[in-house]
Amino acid sequence: MTQPRTPQDRARRIWILLSAFGIVFATLSWLHEALLSEEAILWKGPLAVVLGLVLYFIFVDRI
């Protein structure tokens, strides 16, 4: 991964990171409501962070 060169690039990367977290958290919330038990709420946030980081590193340089 290269270092951000401009403030706009840094802001874009932060926006993509936050968006990835939000997408995963919303998906996990939907799964929780639809399928999972009450215990799922304890690991939903940490799992959203991990999967959001995965999405970030996959898509950050493609957008």
PDB file of N, CA and C in Angstrom:
ATOM      1  N   MET A   1       0.850  -1.178   0.000  1.00  0.00           N
ATOM      2  CA  MET A   1       0.000   0.000   0.000  1.00  0.00           C
ATOM      3  C   MET A   1       0.892   1.236   0.000  1.00  0.00           C
ATOM      4  N   THR A   2       0.600   2.176  -0.875  1.00  0.00           N
ATOM      5  CA  THR A   2       1.371   3.403  -0.938  1.00  0.00           C
ATOM      6  C   THR A   2       0.793   4.434   0.010  1.00  0.00           C
ATOM      7  N   GLN A   3       1.619   5.381   0.391  1.00  0.00           N
ATOM      8  CA  GLN A   3       1.177   6.451   1.284  1.00  0.00           C
ATOM      9  C   GLN A   3       0.298   7.434   0.508  1.00  0.00           C
ATOM     10  N   PRO A   4      -0.760   7.944   1.143  1.00  0.00           N
ATOM     11  CA  PRO A   4      -1.586   8.959   0.480  1.00  0.00           C
ATOM     12  C   PRO A   4      -0.744  10.178   0.126  1.00  0.00           C
ATOM     13  N   ARG A   5      -0.927  10.689  -1.068  1.00  0.00           N
ATOM     14  CA  ARG A   5      -0.098  11.800  -1.529  1.00  0.00           C
ATOM     15  C   ARG A   5      -0.729  13.162  -1.276  1.00  0.00           C
ATOM     16  N   THR A   6      -2.043  13.207  -1.244  1.00  0.00           N
ATOM     17  CA  THR A   6      -2.720  14.491  -1.061  1.00  0.00           C
ATOM     18  C   THR A   6      -3.736  14.371   0.069  1.00  0.00           C
ATOM     19  N   PRO A   7      -4.142  15.500   0.617  1.00  0.00           N
ATOM     20  CA  PRO A   7      -5.200  15.452   1.636  1.00  0.00           C
ATOM     21  C   PRO A   7      -6.502  14.852   1.085  1.00  0.00           C
ATOM     22  N   GLN A   8      -6.791  15.085  -0.187  1.00  0.00           N
ATOM     23  CA  GLN A   8      -7.991  14.516  -0.784  1.00  0.00           C
ATOM     24  C   GLN A   8      -7.900  12.989  -0.845  1.00  0.00           C
ATOM     25  N   ASP A   9      -6.717  12.471  -1.154  1.00  0.00           N
ATOM     26  CA  ASP A   9      -6.519  11.027  -1.210  1.00  0.00           C
ATOM     27  C   ASP A   9      -6.664  10.421   0.185  1.00  0.00           C
ATOM     28  N   ARG A  10      -6.122  11.082   1.180  1.00  0.00           N
ATOM     29  CA  ARG A  10      -6.242  10.612   2.566  1.00  0.00           C
ATOM     30  C   ARG A  10      -7.713  10.606   2.996  1.00  0.00           C
ATOM     31  N   ALA A  11      -8.443  11.663   2.648  1.00  0.00           N
ATOM     32  CA  ALA A  11      -9.863  11.739   2.995  1.00  0.00           C
ATOM     33  C   ALA A  11     -10.657  10.662   2.268  1.00  0.00           C
ATOM     34  N   ARG A  12     -10.306  10.388   1.018  1.00  0.00           N
ATOM     35  CA  ARG A  12     -10.982   9.336   0.256  1.00  0.00           C
ATOM     36  C   ARG A  12     -10.754   7.979   0.898  1.00  0.00           C
ATOM     37  N   ARG A  13      -9.542   7.706   1.341  1.00  0.00           N
ATOM     38  CA  ARG A  13      -9.238   6.428   1.991  1.00  0.00           C
ATOM     39  C   ARG A  13      -9.982   6.287   3.316  1.00  0.00           C
ATOM     40  N   ILE A  14     -10.078   7.351   4.073  1.00  0.00           N
ATOM     41  CA  ILE A  14     -10.834   7.305   5.332  1.00  0.00           C
ATOM     42  C   ILE A  14     -12.306   7.061   5.041  1.00  0.00           C
ATOM     43  N   TRP A  15     -12.846   7.737   4.023  1.00  0.00           N
ATOM     44  CA  TRP A  15     -14.244   7.543   3.653  1.00  0.00           C
ATOM     45  C   TRP A  15     -14.503   6.095   3.232  1.00  0.00           C
ATOM     46  N   ILE A  16     -13.610   5.502   2.460  1.00  0.00           N
ATOM     47  CA  ILE A  16     -13.772   4.109   2.028  1.00  0.00           C
ATOM     48  C   ILE A  16     -13.714   3.175   3.234  1.00  0.00           C
ATOM     49  N   LEU A  17     -12.814   3.432   4.175  1.00  0.00           N
ATOM     50  CA  LEU A  17     -12.715   2.602   5.376  1.00  0.00           C
ATOM     51  C   LEU A  17     -14.002   2.662   6.186  1.00  0.00           C
ATOM     52  N   LEU A  18     -14.519   3.862   6.421  1.00  0.00           N
ATOM     53  CA  LEU A  18     -15.769   4.003   7.176  1.00  0.00           C
ATOM     54  C   LEU A  18     -16.951   3.392   6.429  1.00  0.00           C
ATOM     55  N   SER A  19     -16.964   3.537   5.115  1.00  0.00           N
ATOM     56  CA  SER A  19     -18.036   2.939   4.318  1.00  0.00           C
ATOM     57  C   SER A  19     -17.993   1.424   4.388  1.00  0.00           C
ATOM     58  N   ALA A  20     -16.802   0.850   4.323  1.00  0.00           N
ATOM     59  CA  ALA A  20     -16.669  -0.607   4.401  1.00  0.00           C
ATOM     60  C   ALA A  20     -17.181  -1.113   5.747  1.00  0.00           C
ATOM     61  N   PHE A  21     -16.818  -0.425   6.832  1.00  0.00           N
ATOM     62  CA  PHE A  21     -17.319  -0.816   8.151  1.00  0.00           C
ATOM     63  C   PHE A  21     -18.840  -0.728   8.190  1.00  0.00           C
ATOM     64  N   GLY A  22     -19.393   0.358   7.679  1.00  0.00           N
ATOM     65  CA  GLY A  22     -20.842   0.541   7.689  1.00  0.00           C
ATOM     66  C   GLY A  22     -21.576  -0.513   6.884  1.00  0.00           C
ATOM     67  N   ILE A  23     -21.032  -0.864   5.732  1.00  0.00           N
ATOM     68  CA  ILE A  23     -21.653  -1.894   4.890  1.00  0.00           C
ATOM     69  C   ILE A  23     -21.675  -3.227   5.622  1.00  0.00           C
ATOM     70  N   VAL A  24     -20.552  -3.602   6.213  1.00  0.00           N
ATOM     71  CA  VAL A  24     -20.490  -4.881   6.912  1.00  0.00           C
ATOM     72  C   VAL A  24     -21.384  -4.860   8.148  1.00  0.00           C
ATOM     73  N   PHE A  25     -21.385  -3.778   8.902  1.00  0.00           N
ATOM     74  CA  PHE A  25     -22.212  -3.714  10.101  1.00  0.00           C
ATOM     75  C   PHE A  25     -23.692  -3.809   9.745  1.00  0.00           C
ATOM     76  N   ALA A  26     -24.105  -3.130   8.681  1.00  0.00           N
ATOM     77  CA  ALA A  26     -25.504  -3.205   8.253  1.00  0.00           C
ATOM     78  C   ALA A  26     -25.865  -4.620   7.806  1.00  0.00           C
ATOM     79  N   THR A  27     -24.961  -5.277   7.096  1.00  0.00           N
ATOM     80  CA  THR A  27     -25.211  -6.651   6.665  1.00  0.00           C
ATOM     81  C   THR A  27     -25.316  -7.578   7.861  1.00  0.00           C
ATOM     82  N   LEU A  28     -24.419  -7.425   8.824  1.00  0.00           N
ATOM     83  CA  LEU A  28     -24.479  -8.258  10.023  1.00  0.00           C
ATOM     84  C   LEU A  28     -25.731  -7.966  10.842  1.00  0.00           C
ATOM     85  N   SER A  29     -26.171  -6.724  10.870  1.00  0.00           N
ATOM     86  CA  SER A  29     -27.410  -6.386  11.577  1.00  0.00           C
ATOM     87  C   SER A  29     -28.601  -7.066  10.921  1.00  0.00           C
ATOM     88  N   TRP A  30     -28.615  -7.061   9.600  1.00  0.00           N
ATOM     89  CA  TRP A  30     -29.693  -7.732   8.898  1.00  0.00           C
ATOM     90  C   TRP A  30     -29.667  -9.237   9.179  1.00  0.00           C
ATOM     91  N   LEU A  31     -28.484  -9.845   9.113  1.00  0.00           N
ATOM     92  CA  LEU A  31     -28.367 -11.270   9.413  1.00  0.00           C
ATOM     93  C   LEU A  31     -28.803 -11.571  10.845  1.00  0.00           C
ATOM     94  N   HIS A  32     -28.442 -10.700  11.753  1.00  0.00           N
ATOM     95  CA  HIS A  32     -28.816 -10.891  13.153  1.00  0.00           C
ATOM     96  C   HIS A  32     -30.323 -10.906  13.308  1.00  0.00           C
ATOM     97  N   GLU A  33     -30.990  -9.968  12.672  1.00  0.00           N
ATOM     98  CA  GLU A  33     -32.446  -9.899  12.745  1.00  0.00           C
ATOM     99  C   GLU A  33     -33.095 -11.085  12.049  1.00  0.00           C
ATOM    100  N   ALA A  34     -32.494 -11.533  10.961  1.00  0.00           N
ATOM    101  CA  ALA A  34     -33.126 -12.566  10.151  1.00  0.00           C
ATOM    102  C   ALA A  34     -32.836 -13.980  10.645  1.00  0.00           C
ATOM    103  N   LEU A  35     -31.598 -14.228  11.079  1.00  0.00           N
ATOM    104  CA  LEU A  35     -31.191 -15.609  11.281  1.00  0.00           C
ATOM    105  C   LEU A  35     -30.566 -15.938  12.624  1.00  0.00           C
ATOM    106  N   LEU A  36     -29.819 -15.034  13.175  1.00  0.00           N
ATOM    107  CA  LEU A  36     -28.935 -15.386  14.277  1.00  0.00           C
ATOM    108  C   LEU A  36     -29.589 -15.228  15.640  1.00  0.00           C
ATOM    109  N   SER A  37     -28.944 -15.772  16.639  1.00  0.00           N
ATOM    110  CA  SER A  37     -29.459 -15.721  18.005  1.00  0.00           C
ATOM    111  C   SER A  37     -29.086 -14.405  18.682  1.00  0.00           C
ATOM    112  N   GLU A  38     -29.542 -14.244  19.920  1.00  0.00           N
ATOM    113  CA  GLU A  38     -29.241 -13.049  20.707  1.00  0.00           C
ATOM    114  C   GLU A  38     -27.756 -12.923  21.027  1.00  0.00           C
ATOM    115  N   GLU A  39     -27.038 -14.024  21.089  1.00  0.00           N
ATOM    116  CA  GLU A  39     -25.606 -13.981  21.402  1.00  0.00           C
ATOM    117  C   GLU A  39     -24.790 -13.325  20.305  1.00  0.00           C
ATOM    118  N   ALA A  40     -25.347 -13.245  19.112  1.00  0.00           N
ATOM    119  CA  ALA A  40     -24.613 -12.674  17.983  1.00  0.00           C
ATOM    120  C   ALA A  40     -24.293 -11.207  18.193  1.00  0.00           C
ATOM    121  N   ILE A  41     -25.069 -10.517  19.018  1.00  0.00           N
ATOM    122  CA  ILE A  41     -24.848  -9.086  19.205  1.00  0.00           C
ATOM    123  C   ILE A  41     -23.495  -8.801  19.858  1.00  0.00           C
ATOM    124  N   LEU A  42     -22.955  -9.744  20.591  1.00  0.00           N
ATOM    125  CA  LEU A  42     -21.667  -9.536  21.266  1.00  0.00           C
ATOM    126  C   LEU A  42     -20.499  -9.490  20.297  1.00  0.00           C
ATOM    127  N   TRP A  43     -20.578 -10.205  19.213  1.00  0.00           N
ATOM    128  CA  TRP A  43     -19.445 -10.235  18.280  1.00  0.00           C
ATOM    129  C   TRP A  43     -19.717  -9.488  16.984  1.00  0.00           C
ATOM    130  N   LYS A  44     -20.871  -8.856  16.852  1.00  0.00           N
ATOM    131  CA  LYS A  44     -21.220  -8.164  15.610  1.00  0.00           C
ATOM    132  C   LYS A  44     -20.279  -6.983  15.328  1.00  0.00           C
ATOM    133  N   GLY A  45     -19.991  -6.172  16.329  1.00  0.00           N
ATOM    134  CA  GLY A  45     -19.112  -5.010  16.133  1.00  0.00           C
ATOM    135  C   GLY A  45     -17.691  -5.390  15.763  1.00  0.00           C
ATOM    136  N   PRO A  46     -17.039  -6.256  16.567  1.00  0.00           N
ATOM    137  CA  PRO A  46     -15.673  -6.662  16.207  1.00  0.00           C
ATOM    138  C   PRO A  46     -15.591  -7.363  14.846  1.00  0.00           C
ATOM    139  N   LEU A  47     -16.581  -8.189  14.532  1.00  0.00           N
ATOM    140  CA  LEU A  47     -16.577  -8.850  13.234  1.00  0.00           C
ATOM    141  C   LEU A  47     -16.748  -7.833  12.111  1.00  0.00           C
ATOM    142  N   ALA A  48     -17.562  -6.807  12.331  1.00  0.00           N
ATOM    143  CA  ALA A  48     -17.737  -5.754  11.322  1.00  0.00           C
ATOM    144  C   ALA A  48     -16.434  -4.996  11.095  1.00  0.00           C
ATOM    145  N   VAL A  49     -15.672  -4.766  12.156  1.00  0.00           N
ATOM    146  CA  VAL A  49     -14.380  -4.089  12.001  1.00  0.00           C
ATOM    147  C   VAL A  49     -13.426  -4.944  11.169  1.00  0.00           C
ATOM    148  N   VAL A  50     -13.327  -6.217  11.493  1.00  0.00           N
ATOM    149  CA  VAL A  50     -12.401  -7.110  10.777  1.00  0.00           C
ATOM    150  C   VAL A  50     -12.807  -7.238   9.310  1.00  0.00           C
ATOM    151  N   LEU A  51     -14.081  -7.529   9.057  1.00  0.00           N
ATOM    152  CA  LEU A  51     -14.523  -7.679   7.673  1.00  0.00           C
ATOM    153  C   LEU A  51     -14.493  -6.354   6.918  1.00  0.00           C
ATOM    154  N   GLY A  52     -14.749  -5.249   7.616  1.00  0.00           N
ATOM    155  CA  GLY A  52     -14.636  -3.933   6.987  1.00  0.00           C
ATOM    156  C   GLY A  52     -13.219  -3.632   6.552  1.00  0.00           C
ATOM    157  N   LEU A  53     -12.242  -4.006   7.391  1.00  0.00           N
ATOM    158  CA  LEU A  53     -10.839  -3.833   7.006  1.00  0.00           C
ATOM    159  C   LEU A  53     -10.481  -4.690   5.799  1.00  0.00           C
ATOM    160  N   VAL A  54     -11.015  -5.892   5.751  1.00  0.00           N
ATOM    161  CA  VAL A  54     -10.777  -6.758   4.591  1.00  0.00           C
ATOM    162  C   VAL A  54     -11.334  -6.101   3.332  1.00  0.00           C
ATOM    163  N   LEU A  55     -12.577  -5.622   3.398  1.00  0.00           N
ATOM    164  CA  LEU A  55     -13.161  -4.925   2.248  1.00  0.00           C
ATOM    165  C   LEU A  55     -12.342  -3.704   1.862  1.00  0.00           C
ATOM    166  N   TYR A  56     -11.886  -2.964   2.859  1.00  0.00           N
ATOM    167  CA  TYR A  56     -11.088  -1.763   2.596  1.00  0.00           C
ATOM    168  C   TYR A  56      -9.838  -2.111   1.797  1.00  0.00           C
ATOM    169  N   PHE A  57      -9.095  -3.104   2.259  1.00  0.00           N
ATOM    170  CA  PHE A  57      -7.845  -3.439   1.586  1.00  0.00           C
ATOM    171  C   PHE A  57      -8.074  -4.064   0.213  1.00  0.00           C
ATOM    172  N   ILE A  58      -9.232  -4.661  -0.010  1.00  0.00           N
ATOM    173  CA  ILE A  58      -9.532  -5.196  -1.324  1.00  0.00           C
ATOM    174  C   ILE A  58      -9.862  -4.077  -2.311  1.00  0.00           C
ATOM    175  N   PHE A  59     -10.636  -3.075  -1.860  1.00  0.00           N
ATOM    176  CA  PHE A  59     -11.177  -2.080  -2.779  1.00  0.00           C
ATOM    177  C   PHE A  59     -10.533  -0.709  -2.741  1.00  0.00           C
ATOM    178  N   VAL A  60      -9.649  -0.432  -1.800  1.00  0.00           N
ATOM    179  CA  VAL A  60      -9.151   0.937  -1.644  1.00  0.00           C
ATOM    180  C   VAL A  60      -8.440   1.452  -2.889  1.00  0.00           C
ATOM    181  N   ASP A  61      -7.680   0.647  -3.561  1.00  0.00           N
ATOM    182  CA  ASP A  61      -6.956   1.129  -4.728  1.00  0.00           C
ATOM    183  C   ASP A  61      -7.715   0.895  -6.031  1.00  0.00           C
ATOM    184  N   ARG A  62      -8.900   0.298  -5.954  1.00  0.00           N
ATOM    185  CA  ARG A  62      -9.693   0.050  -7.153  1.00  0.00           C
ATOM    186  C   ARG A  62     -10.726   1.149  -7.393  1.00  0.00           C
ATOM    187  N   ILE A  63     -10.944   1.987  -6.410  1.00  0.00           N
ATOM    188  CA  ILE A  63     -11.966   3.030  -6.547  1.00  0.00           C
ATOM    189  C   ILE A  63     -11.305   4.349  -6.847  1.00  0.00           C
TER     190      ILE A  63
END
